[in-house]
Amino acid sequence: MADQFMGGIYSGIFTPTEAAMVGVLYSAIVGVFLYRDLDWKIGLDPIQLGARVVINFAVGMVTPPVGYSIFVASSISGLKVETVARHIWPFMLVLLAVVALVAYVPAVTLWLPETFG
């Protein structure tokens, strides 16, 4: 699939933005068919699964060495990446505590949908 996107970009058929849009659409279609029965197979509510995925992505955006948020914070503040990474650990510990809380206490993410029905 990636070679089709790159071939389309290099041949001038579509722009990188259009390729990204097609990639997201393709991923959404595949995700609908692959993950539609996943909640029953593994015993997770779809809202719980979504919350876990989003929170884990947030941890990945901050975690060195590939955490994009660290590079953005470094660029905006003018500090070195190492300095930003060193000072982000208290926030990382909070994020990891939230990951553990969401993983082991499903009521944390499910109380709002259950309240409003």
Protein backbone atom coordinates (compact mmCIF):
# COMPACT_ATOMS: atom_id res chain seq x y z
CA MET A 1 0.00 0.00 0.00
CA ALA A 2 2.82 2.41 0.81
CA ASP A 3 4.36 1.92 -2.64
CA GLN A 4 1.04 2.92 -4.23
CA PHE A 5 0.98 6.13 -2.20
CA MET A 6 4.61 6.95 -2.94
CA GLY A 7 4.15 6.09 -6.62
CA GLY A 8 1.12 8.38 -6.79
CA ILE A 9 3.01 11.19 -5.10
CA TYR A 10 6.16 10.89 -7.21
CA SER A 11 4.22 10.55 -10.48
CA GLY A 12 2.17 13.65 -9.69
CA ILE A 13 -1.18 11.88 -9.58
CA PHE A 14 -1.92 13.22 -6.11
CA THR A 15 -0.31 15.34 -3.41
CA PRO A 16 0.99 14.06 -0.07
CA THR A 17 -2.09 15.52 1.62
CA GLU A 18 -4.39 13.59 -0.66
CA ALA A 19 -2.34 10.44 -0.07
CA ALA A 20 -2.69 10.92 3.69
CA MET A 21 -6.44 11.34 3.33
CA VAL A 22 -6.72 8.15 1.27
CA GLY A 23 -4.56 6.34 3.85
CA VAL A 24 -6.81 7.44 6.70
CA LEU A 25 -9.92 6.42 4.76
CA TYR A 26 -8.37 3.03 3.95
CA SER A 27 -7.41 2.53 7.60
CA ALA A 28 -10.91 3.44 8.76
CA ILE A 29 -12.51 0.97 6.36
CA VAL A 30 -10.13 -1.82 7.33
CA GLY A 31 -10.58 -0.97 11.01
CA VAL A 32 -14.36 -1.24 10.76
CA PHE A 33 -14.14 -4.74 9.35
CA LEU A 34 -11.32 -5.98 11.57
CA TYR A 35 -12.41 -4.51 14.88
CA ARG A 36 -16.21 -4.70 14.76
CA ASP A 37 -16.40 -7.87 16.89
CA LEU A 38 -13.24 -7.29 18.90
CA ASP A 39 -15.03 -6.00 22.00
CA TRP A 40 -16.93 -9.27 22.43
CA LYS A 41 -13.91 -11.46 21.80
CA ILE A 42 -11.66 -9.83 24.38
CA GLY A 43 -14.32 -8.65 26.80
CA LEU A 44 -13.77 -4.91 26.41
CA ASP A 45 -16.39 -2.27 25.90
CA PRO A 46 -15.70 -0.24 22.71
CA ILE A 47 -15.55 2.97 24.76
CA GLN A 48 -13.02 1.39 27.12
CA LEU A 49 -10.94 0.21 24.16
CA GLY A 50 -11.02 3.67 22.60
CA ALA A 51 -9.98 5.32 25.86
CA ARG A 52 -7.08 2.90 26.25
CA VAL A 53 -5.89 3.53 22.70
CA VAL A 54 -6.08 7.33 22.99
CA ILE A 55 -4.33 7.46 26.36
CA ASN A 56 -1.59 5.11 25.18
CA PHE A 57 -1.10 7.29 22.09
CA ALA A 58 -0.73 10.29 24.42
CA VAL A 59 2.00 8.44 26.31
CA GLY A 60 3.71 7.61 23.01
CA MET A 61 3.64 11.26 21.92
CA VAL A 62 5.61 12.24 25.01
CA THR A 63 7.95 9.29 25.46
CA PRO A 64 11.53 9.71 24.22
CA PRO A 65 13.19 9.06 21.76
CA VAL A 66 10.39 9.52 19.24
CA GLY A 67 7.97 11.68 21.23
CA TYR A 68 6.89 14.40 18.85
CA SER A 69 5.58 16.55 21.67
CA ILE A 70 9.06 16.78 23.16
CA PHE A 71 10.45 18.13 19.90
CA VAL A 72 7.62 20.66 19.61
CA ALA A 73 8.13 21.80 23.20
CA SER A 74 11.87 22.06 22.59
CA SER A 75 11.33 24.12 19.47
CA ILE A 76 8.86 26.50 21.10
CA SER A 77 10.83 26.97 24.32
CA GLY A 78 14.28 27.11 22.75
CA LEU A 79 15.58 24.50 25.21
CA LYS A 80 17.48 21.37 24.28
CA VAL A 81 15.50 18.19 23.75
CA GLU A 82 17.40 16.55 26.61
CA THR A 83 16.36 19.32 29.00
CA VAL A 84 12.72 19.05 28.03
CA ALA A 85 12.84 15.24 28.31
CA ARG A 86 14.37 15.46 31.76
CA HIS A 87 11.66 17.83 33.03
CA ILE A 88 8.74 15.92 31.58
CA TRP A 89 9.06 12.88 33.87
CA PRO A 90 6.60 14.08 36.56
CA PHE A 91 3.96 14.44 33.85
CA MET A 92 4.90 11.04 32.45
CA LEU A 93 4.33 9.46 35.84
CA VAL A 94 0.85 11.00 35.96
CA LEU A 95 0.14 9.70 32.44
CA LEU A 96 1.29 6.22 33.40
CA ALA A 97 -0.90 6.32 36.51
CA VAL A 98 -3.87 7.25 34.32
CA VAL A 99 -3.05 4.36 31.95
CA ALA A 100 -3.03 1.96 34.90
CA LEU A 101 -6.24 3.44 36.31
CA VAL A 102 -8.07 3.15 32.99
CA ALA A 103 -6.77 -0.37 32.41
CA TYR A 104 -7.70 -1.77 35.81
CA VAL A 105 -10.78 0.30 36.74
CA PRO A 106 -13.16 0.35 33.76
CA ALA A 107 -15.69 2.45 35.68
CA VAL A 108 -13.36 5.44 35.27
CA THR A 109 -14.09 5.64 31.55
CA LEU A 110 -17.56 4.12 31.49
CA TRP A 111 -19.37 6.15 34.15
CA LEU A 112 -20.13 9.12 31.86
CA PRO A 113 -21.68 7.09 29.01
CA GLU A 114 -23.65 5.06 31.55
CA THR A 115 -24.86 8.23 33.26
CA PHE A 116 -26.17 9.85 30.08
CA GLY A 117 -27.36 6.61 28.59
